[in-house]
PDB file of N, CA and C in Angstrom:
ATOM      1  N   MET A   1     -24.908 -18.985  60.510  1.00  0.00           N
ATOM      2  CA  MET A   1     -25.175 -17.670  59.794  1.00  0.00           C
ATOM      3  C   MET A   1     -25.506 -16.724  60.784  1.00  0.00           C
ATOM      4  N   SER A   2     -25.094 -15.560  60.842  1.00  0.00           N
ATOM      5  CA  SER A   2     -25.616 -14.533  61.982  1.00  0.00           C
ATOM      6  C   SER A   2     -26.862 -13.828  61.427  1.00  0.00           C
ATOM      7  N   GLU A   3     -27.560 -13.332  62.266  1.00  0.00           N
ATOM      8  CA  GLU A   3     -28.906 -12.667  62.072  1.00  0.00           C
ATOM      9  C   GLU A   3     -28.708 -11.402  61.007  1.00  0.00           C
ATOM     10  N   GLN A   4     -27.623 -10.800  60.899  1.00  0.00           N
ATOM     11  CA  GLN A   4     -27.221  -9.688  59.981  1.00  0.00           C
ATOM     12  C   GLN A   4     -27.034 -10.204  58.793  1.00  0.00           C
ATOM     13  N   GLU A   5     -26.352 -11.506  58.668  1.00  0.00           N
ATOM     14  CA  GLU A   5     -25.976 -12.038  57.402  1.00  0.00           C
ATOM     15  C   GLU A   5     -27.316 -12.789  56.675  1.00  0.00           C
ATOM     16  N   GLU A   6     -28.315 -13.228  57.421  1.00  0.00           N
ATOM     17  CA  GLU A   6     -29.579 -13.626  56.872  1.00  0.00           C
ATOM     18  C   GLU A   6     -30.367 -12.688  56.596  1.00  0.00           C
ATOM     19  N   LEU A   7     -30.198 -11.457  57.190  1.00  0.00           N
ATOM     20  CA  LEU A   7     -31.070 -10.015  56.738  1.00  0.00           C
ATOM     21  C   LEU A   7     -30.652  -9.691  55.289  1.00  0.00           C
ATOM     22  N   THR A   8     -29.218  -9.670  55.219  1.00  0.00           N
ATOM     23  CA  THR A   8     -28.560  -9.223  54.014  1.00  0.00           C
ATOM     24  C   THR A   8     -28.984 -10.319  52.789  1.00  0.00           C
ATOM     25  N   ALA A   9     -28.988 -11.555  53.329  1.00  0.00           N
ATOM     26  CA  ALA A   9     -29.240 -12.490  52.180  1.00  0.00           C
ATOM     27  C   ALA A   9     -30.849 -12.452  51.718  1.00  0.00           C
ATOM     28  N   MET A  10     -31.645 -12.041  52.842  1.00  0.00           N
ATOM     29  CA  MET A  10     -33.005 -11.833  52.460  1.00  0.00           C
ATOM     30  C   MET A  10     -33.208 -10.859  51.680  1.00  0.00           C
ATOM     31  N   GLN A  11     -32.492  -9.445  51.843  1.00  0.00           N
ATOM     32  CA  GLN A  11     -32.691  -8.397  51.073  1.00  0.00           C
ATOM     33  C   GLN A  11     -32.152  -8.578  49.662  1.00  0.00           C
ATOM     34  N   HIS A  12     -31.088  -9.459  49.449  1.00  0.00           N
ATOM     35  CA  HIS A  12     -30.893  -9.748  48.060  1.00  0.00           C
ATOM     36  C   HIS A  12     -31.802 -10.643  47.348  1.00  0.00           C
ATOM     37  N   ARG A  13     -32.328 -11.482  48.036  1.00  0.00           N
ATOM     38  CA  ARG A  13     -33.277 -12.457  47.425  1.00  0.00           C
ATOM     39  C   ARG A  13     -34.540 -11.164  47.057  1.00  0.00           C
ATOM     40  N   LEU A  14     -34.937 -10.477  47.825  1.00  0.00           N
ATOM     41  CA  LEU A  14     -36.090  -9.650  47.730  1.00  0.00           C
ATOM     42  C   LEU A  14     -35.739  -8.597  46.458  1.00  0.00           C
ATOM     43  N   ASP A  15     -34.695  -8.322  46.407  1.00  0.00           N
ATOM     44  CA  ASP A  15     -34.159  -7.334  45.235  1.00  0.00           C
ATOM     45  C   ASP A  15     -34.340  -8.176  44.079  1.00  0.00           C
ATOM     46  N   GLU A  16     -33.903  -9.234  43.984  1.00  0.00           N
ATOM     47  CA  GLU A  16     -33.886 -10.198  42.730  1.00  0.00           C
ATOM     48  C   GLU A  16     -35.315 -10.417  42.383  1.00  0.00           C
ATOM     49  N   LEU A  17     -36.201 -10.750  43.535  1.00  0.00           N
ATOM     50  CA  LEU A  17     -37.632 -11.122  43.064  1.00  0.00           C
ATOM     51  C   LEU A  17     -38.155  -9.790  42.429  1.00  0.00           C
ATOM     52  N   LEU A  18     -37.971  -8.673  42.987  1.00  0.00           N
ATOM     53  CA  LEU A  18     -38.436  -7.340  42.470  1.00  0.00           C
ATOM     54  C   LEU A  18     -37.853  -7.213  41.018  1.00  0.00           C
ATOM     55  N   GLN A  19     -36.901  -7.669  40.856  1.00  0.00           N
ATOM     56  CA  GLN A  19     -36.196  -7.317  39.289  1.00  0.00           C
ATOM     57  C   GLN A  19     -36.942  -8.281  38.396  1.00  0.00           C
ATOM     58  N   ARG A  20     -37.138  -9.487  38.828  1.00  0.00           N
ATOM     59  CA  ARG A  20     -37.684 -10.577  37.887  1.00  0.00           C
ATOM     60  C   ARG A  20     -39.340 -10.225  37.876  1.00  0.00           C
ATOM     61  N   VAL A  21     -39.764  -9.695  38.811  1.00  0.00           N
ATOM     62  CA  VAL A  21     -41.476  -9.270  38.503  1.00  0.00           C
ATOM     63  C   VAL A  21     -41.387  -8.289  37.470  1.00  0.00           C
ATOM     64  N   GLY A  22     -40.437  -7.220  37.630  1.00  0.00           N
ATOM     65  CA  GLY A  22     -40.264  -6.157  36.637  1.00  0.00           C
ATOM     66  C   GLY A  22     -40.161  -6.594  35.059  1.00  0.00           C
ATOM     67  N   GLN A  23     -39.222  -7.677  35.112  1.00  0.00           N
ATOM     68  CA  GLN A  23     -38.943  -8.285  33.752  1.00  0.00           C
ATOM     69  C   GLN A  23     -40.105  -9.024  33.282  1.00  0.00           C
ATOM     70  N   LEU A  24     -40.805  -9.672  34.166  1.00  0.00           N
ATOM     71  CA  LEU A  24     -42.160 -10.415  33.828  1.00  0.00           C
ATOM     72  C   LEU A  24     -43.063  -9.488  33.402  1.00  0.00           C
ATOM     73  N   GLU A  25     -43.272  -8.194  33.975  1.00  0.00           N
ATOM     74  CA  GLU A  25     -44.425  -7.181  33.527  1.00  0.00           C
ATOM     75  C   GLU A  25     -44.066  -6.883  32.219  1.00  0.00           C
ATOM     76  N   ARG A  26     -42.744  -6.444  31.980  1.00  0.00           N
ATOM     77  CA  ARG A  26     -42.399  -6.143  30.609  1.00  0.00           C
ATOM     78  C   ARG A  26     -42.594  -7.177  29.513  1.00  0.00           C
ATOM     79  N   THR A  27     -42.617  -8.401  29.764  1.00  0.00           N
ATOM     80  CA  THR A  27     -42.630  -9.294  28.784  1.00  0.00           C
ATOM     81  C   THR A  27     -44.039  -9.639  28.375  1.00  0.00           C
ATOM     82  N   VAL A  28     -44.914  -9.513  29.489  1.00  0.00           N
ATOM     83  CA  VAL A  28     -46.326  -9.587  29.279  1.00  0.00           C
ATOM     84  C   VAL A  28     -46.827  -8.458  28.422  1.00  0.00           C
ATOM     85  N   ASP A  29     -46.354  -7.170  28.710  1.00  0.00           N
ATOM     86  CA  ASP A  29     -46.723  -5.979  27.940  1.00  0.00           C
ATOM     87  C   ASP A  29     -46.295  -6.192  26.601  1.00  0.00           C
ATOM     88  N   GLU A  30     -45.157  -6.644  26.206  1.00  0.00           N
ATOM     89  CA  GLU A  30     -44.591  -6.952  24.982  1.00  0.00           C
ATOM     90  C   GLU A  30     -45.423  -7.951  24.138  1.00  0.00           C
ATOM     91  N   LEU A  31     -45.907  -9.000  25.019  1.00  0.00           N
ATOM     92  CA  LEU A  31     -46.512 -10.055  24.261  1.00  0.00           C
ATOM     93  C   LEU A  31     -47.980  -9.582  23.934  1.00  0.00           C
ATOM     94  N   ARG A  32     -48.671  -8.549  24.783  1.00  0.00           N
ATOM     95  CA  ARG A  32     -49.685  -8.017  24.356  1.00  0.00           C
ATOM     96  C   ARG A  32     -49.609  -6.965  23.425  1.00  0.00           C
ATOM     97  N   GLY A  33     -48.451  -6.705  22.776  1.00  0.00           N
ATOM     98  CA  GLY A  33     -48.459  -5.713  21.876  1.00  0.00           C
ATOM     99  C   GLY A  33     -48.218  -4.291  22.120  1.00  0.00           C
ATOM    100  N   ALA A  34     -48.268  -4.244  23.568  1.00  0.00           N
ATOM    101  CA  ALA A  34     -48.132  -2.785  23.972  1.00  0.00           C
ATOM    102  C   ALA A  34     -46.522  -2.144  23.942  1.00  0.00           C
ATOM    103  N   GLY A  35     -45.551  -3.099  23.992  1.00  0.00           N
ATOM    104  CA  GLY A  35     -44.295  -2.725  23.913  1.00  0.00           C
ATOM    105  C   GLY A  35     -43.895  -1.795  25.201  1.00  0.00           C
ATOM    106  N   PRO A  36     -42.511  -1.654  25.461  1.00  0.00           N
ATOM    107  CA  PRO A  36     -42.110  -0.959  26.675  1.00  0.00           C
ATOM    108  C   PRO A  36     -42.454   0.592  26.725  1.00  0.00           C
ATOM    109  N   ALA A  37     -42.714   1.389  25.546  1.00  0.00           N
ATOM    110  CA  ALA A  37     -42.961   2.622  25.555  1.00  0.00           C
ATOM    111  C   ALA A  37     -44.508   2.925  26.028  1.00  0.00           C
ATOM    112  N   ALA A  38     -45.326   1.842  25.575  1.00  0.00           N
ATOM    113  CA  ALA A  38     -46.692   1.851  25.853  1.00  0.00           C
ATOM    114  C   ALA A  38     -47.108   1.487  27.288  1.00  0.00           C
ATOM    115  N   SER A  39     -46.342   0.543  27.847  1.00  0.00           N
ATOM    116  CA  SER A  39     -46.719   0.280  29.312  1.00  0.00           C
ATOM    117  C   SER A  39     -46.159   1.399  30.176  1.00  0.00           C
ATOM    118  N   ALA A  40     -45.298   2.265  29.934  1.00  0.00           N
ATOM    119  CA  ALA A  40     -44.877   3.502  30.670  1.00  0.00           C
ATOM    120  C   ALA A  40     -46.034   4.394  30.478  1.00  0.00           C
ATOM    121  N   ALA A  41     -46.487   4.481  29.355  1.00  0.00           N
ATOM    122  CA  ALA A  41     -47.607   5.581  29.102  1.00  0.00           C
ATOM    123  C   ALA A  41     -48.852   5.086  29.844  1.00  0.00           C
ATOM    124  N   ALA A  42     -49.078   3.858  29.762  1.00  0.00           N
ATOM    125  CA  ALA A  42     -50.423   3.257  30.601  1.00  0.00           C
ATOM    126  C   ALA A  42     -50.335   3.567  31.881  1.00  0.00           C
ATOM    127  N   GLU A  43     -49.066   3.566  32.519  1.00  0.00           N
ATOM    128  CA  GLU A  43     -48.925   3.656  34.058  1.00  0.00           C
ATOM    129  C   GLU A  43     -49.543   5.071  34.297  1.00  0.00           C
ATOM    130  N   SER A  44     -49.277   6.117  33.458  1.00  0.00           N
ATOM    131  CA  SER A  44     -49.573   7.330  33.651  1.00  0.00           C
ATOM    132  C   SER A  44     -51.270   7.802  33.319  1.00  0.00           C
ATOM    133  N   LYS A  45     -51.734   6.901  32.246  1.00  0.00           N
ATOM    134  CA  LYS A  45     -53.223   7.424  31.955  1.00  0.00           C
ATOM    135  C   LYS A  45     -54.249   6.276  32.407  1.00  0.00           C
ATOM    136  N   SER A  46     -55.422   6.811  32.369  1.00  0.00           N
ATOM    137  CA  SER A  46     -56.541   5.884  32.935  1.00  0.00           C
ATOM    138  C   SER A  46     -56.695   4.657  32.034  1.00  0.00           C
ATOM    139  N   PRO A  47     -57.188   3.531  32.176  1.00  0.00           N
ATOM    140  CA  PRO A  47     -57.319   2.305  31.427  1.00  0.00           C
ATOM    141  C   PRO A  47     -58.350   2.680  30.394  1.00  0.00           C
ATOM    142  N   THR A  48     -58.070   2.038  29.027  1.00  0.00           N
ATOM    143  CA  THR A  48     -59.091   2.369  28.104  1.00  0.00           C
ATOM    144  C   THR A  48     -60.234   1.451  28.290  1.00  0.00           C
ATOM    145  N   PRO A  49     -61.487   2.091  27.846  1.00  0.00           N
ATOM    146  CA  PRO A  49     -62.656   1.090  28.054  1.00  0.00           C
ATOM    147  C   PRO A  49     -62.534   0.218  26.878  1.00  0.00           C
ATOM    148  N   PRO A  50     -63.113  -0.971  27.510  1.00  0.00           N
ATOM    149  CA  PRO A  50     -63.074  -2.224  26.341  1.00  0.00           C
ATOM    150  C   PRO A  50     -63.801  -1.864  25.067  1.00  0.00           C
ATOM    151  N   GLU A  51     -63.494  -2.526  24.084  1.00  0.00           N
ATOM    152  CA  GLU A  51     -64.251  -2.472  22.713  1.00  0.00           C
ATOM    153  C   GLU A  51     -65.626  -2.887  22.764  1.00  0.00           C
ATOM    154  N   LEU A  52     -66.469  -2.266  22.409  1.00  0.00           N
ATOM    155  CA  LEU A  52     -67.898  -2.907  22.491  1.00  0.00           C
ATOM    156  C   LEU A  52     -68.273  -3.627  21.224  1.00  0.00           C
ATOM    157  N   VAL A  53     -68.967  -4.915  21.405  1.00  0.00           N
ATOM    158  CA  VAL A  53     -69.174  -5.636  20.413  1.00  0.00           C
ATOM    159  C   VAL A  53     -70.769  -5.635  20.079  1.00  0.00           C
ATOM    160  N   THR A  54     -71.161  -5.444  18.810  1.00  0.00           N
ATOM    161  CA  THR A  54     -72.544  -5.458  18.534  1.00  0.00           C
ATOM    162  C   THR A  54     -72.948  -6.822  18.199  1.00  0.00           C
ATOM    163  N   ILE A  55     -74.168  -7.194  18.892  1.00  0.00           N
ATOM    164  CA  ILE A  55     -74.789  -8.521  18.883  1.00  0.00           C
ATOM    165  C   ILE A  55     -75.785  -8.523  17.926  1.00  0.00           C
ATOM    166  N   PRO A  56     -75.966  -9.119  16.738  1.00  0.00           N
ATOM    167  CA  PRO A  56     -77.180  -9.114  15.782  1.00  0.00           C
ATOM    168  C   PRO A  56     -78.549  -9.371  16.472  1.00  0.00           C
ATOM    169  N   ASP A  57     -79.589  -8.993  16.058  1.00  0.00           N
ATOM    170  CA  ASP A  57     -80.995  -9.344  16.570  1.00  0.00           C
ATOM    171  C   ASP A  57     -81.557 -10.634  15.863  1.00  0.00           C
ATOM    172  N   THR A  58     -80.757 -10.919  14.620  1.00  0.00           N
ATOM    173  CA  THR A  58     -81.416 -12.156  13.799  1.00  0.00           C
ATOM    174  C   THR A  58     -81.209 -13.512  14.633  1.00  0.00           C
ATOM    175  N   PRO A  59     -81.950 -14.515  14.682  1.00  0.00           N
ATOM    176  CA  PRO A  59     -81.846 -15.640  15.303  1.00  0.00           C
ATOM    177  C   PRO A  59     -80.757 -16.375  14.798  1.00  0.00           C
ATOM    178  N   TYR A  60     -80.479 -17.375  16.140  1.00  0.00           N
ATOM    179  CA  TYR A  60     -79.209 -18.089  15.760  1.00  0.00           C
ATOM    180  C   TYR A  60     -79.594 -19.253  15.100  1.00  0.00           C
ATOM    181  N   ASN A  61     -78.608 -20.029  14.345  1.00  0.00           N
ATOM    182  CA  ASN A  61     -78.940 -21.151  13.480  1.00  0.00           C
ATOM    183  C   ASN A  61     -79.234 -22.101  14.362  1.00  0.00           C
ATOM    184  N   SER A  62     -80.295 -22.757  14.387  1.00  0.00           N
ATOM    185  CA  SER A  62     -80.955 -23.883  15.245  1.00  0.00           C
ATOM    186  C   SER A  62     -79.916 -25.020  15.284  1.00  0.00           C
ATOM    187  N   ALA A  63     -79.245 -25.291  14.326  1.00  0.00           N
ATOM    188  CA  ALA A  63     -78.248 -26.327  14.334  1.00  0.00           C
ATOM    189  C   ALA A  63     -77.173 -26.209  15.343  1.00  0.00           C
ATOM    190  N   LEU A  64     -76.991 -25.125  15.840  1.00  0.00           N
ATOM    191  CA  LEU A  64     -76.077 -24.956  16.889  1.00  0.00           C
ATOM    192  C   LEU A  64     -76.569 -25.601  18.342  1.00  0.00           C
ATOM    193  N   TRP A  65     -77.919 -25.801  18.359  1.00  0.00           N
ATOM    194  CA  TRP A  65     -78.350 -26.186  19.765  1.00  0.00           C
ATOM    195  C   TRP A  65     -78.792 -27.728  19.686  1.00  0.00           C
ATOM    196  N   THR A  66     -78.292 -28.188  18.569  1.00  0.00           N
ATOM    197  CA  THR A  66     -78.692 -30.049  18.542  1.00  0.00           C
ATOM    198  C   THR A  66     -78.089 -30.564  19.531  1.00  0.00           C
ATOM    199  N   ASP A  67     -78.842 -31.700  20.065  1.00  0.00           N
ATOM    200  CA  ASP A  67     -78.064 -32.419  20.983  1.00  0.00           C
ATOM    201  C   ASP A  67     -77.582 -31.890  22.329  1.00  0.00           C
ATOM    202  N   SER A  68     -78.040 -30.494  22.636  1.00  0.00           N
ATOM    203  CA  SER A  68     -77.788 -29.774  23.664  1.00  0.00           C
ATOM    204  C   SER A  68     -78.721 -29.929  24.862  1.00  0.00           C
ATOM    205  N   ASP A  69     -78.521 -29.988  26.248  1.00  0.00           N
ATOM    206  CA  ASP A  69     -79.440 -30.137  27.210  1.00  0.00           C
ATOM    207  C   ASP A  69     -79.800 -28.735  27.376  1.00  0.00           C
ATOM    208  N   ASP A  70     -81.313 -28.667  28.080  1.00  0.00           N
ATOM    209  CA  ASP A  70     -81.679 -27.368  28.533  1.00  0.00           C
ATOM    210  C   ASP A  70     -80.885 -27.285  29.992  1.00  0.00           C
ATOM    211  N   GLU A  71     -80.070 -26.101  30.054  1.00  0.00           N
ATOM    212  CA  GLU A  71     -79.440 -25.871  31.230  1.00  0.00           C
ATOM    213  C   GLU A  71     -80.514 -25.730  32.604  1.00  0.00           C
ATOM    214  N   GLY A  72     -80.300 -26.534  33.540  1.00  0.00           N
ATOM    215  CA  GLY A  72     -81.208 -26.601  34.595  1.00  0.00           C
ATOM    216  C   GLY A  72     -82.496 -27.339  34.519  1.00  0.00           C
ATOM    217  N   LEU A  73     -82.747 -27.855  33.268  1.00  0.00           N
ATOM    218  CA  LEU A  73     -84.058 -28.520  33.070  1.00  0.00           C
ATOM    219  C   LEU A  73     -83.553 -29.838  32.877  1.00  0.00           C
ATOM    220  N   GLY A  74     -82.405 -30.293  32.495  1.00  0.00           N
ATOM    221  CA  GLY A  74     -81.838 -31.705  32.303  1.00  0.00           C
ATOM    222  C   GLY A  74     -82.127 -31.960  30.831  1.00  0.00           C
ATOM    223  N   ALA A  75     -81.868 -33.422  30.333  1.00  0.00           N
ATOM    224  CA  ALA A  75     -81.819 -33.812  28.988  1.00  0.00           C
ATOM    225  C   ALA A  75     -83.314 -33.783  28.591  1.00  0.00           C
ATOM    226  N   ARG A  76     -83.431 -33.760  27.332  1.00  0.00           N
ATOM    227  CA  ARG A  76     -85.095 -33.738  26.612  1.00  0.00           C
ATOM    228  C   ARG A  76     -85.530 -35.069  26.723  1.00  0.00           C
ATOM    229  N   ASP A  77     -84.887 -36.073  26.838  1.00  0.00           N
ATOM    230  CA  ASP A  77     -85.546 -37.475  26.883  1.00  0.00           C
ATOM    231  C   ASP A  77     -85.811 -38.067  28.182  1.00  0.00           C
ATOM    232  N   ARG A  78     -85.330 -37.270  29.327  1.00  0.00           N
ATOM    233  CA  ARG A  78     -85.545 -37.736  30.666  1.00  0.00           C
ATOM    234  C   ARG A  78     -86.568 -36.809  31.500  1.00  0.00           C
ATOM    235  N   HIS A  79     -87.188 -37.353  32.466  1.00  0.00           N
ATOM    236  CA  HIS A  79     -88.021 -36.585  33.370  1.00  0.00           C
ATOM    237  C   HIS A  79     -87.460 -36.457  34.553  1.00  0.00           C
ATOM    238  N   ALA A  80     -87.809 -35.185  35.194  1.00  0.00           N
ATOM    239  CA  ALA A  80     -87.284 -34.797  36.493  1.00  0.00           C
ATOM    240  C   ALA A  80     -87.832 -35.779  37.460  1.00  0.00           C
ATOM    241  N   PRO A  81     -87.259 -35.973  38.466  1.00  0.00           N
ATOM    242  CA  PRO A  81     -87.809 -36.873  39.498  1.00  0.00           C
ATOM    243  C   PRO A  81     -89.223 -36.190  40.373  1.00  0.00           C
TER     244      PRO A  81
END
């Protein structure tokens, strides 16, 4: 295969790769619920800030921590060296 044929084949592969990446991006947008129109609009706008979640000040249920180790301190029934 000549050098020119190799370059042409490489260009075709690159074009195919770019086309498949575009298809993948559109598929991801559709799976996220954005749809093709929203993805085009998103390219022209700045990203939307994430939605804030309020965490209540009430104490957690102590049953959530049953049989858990204190991170960095080890298990409750063992002593540090």
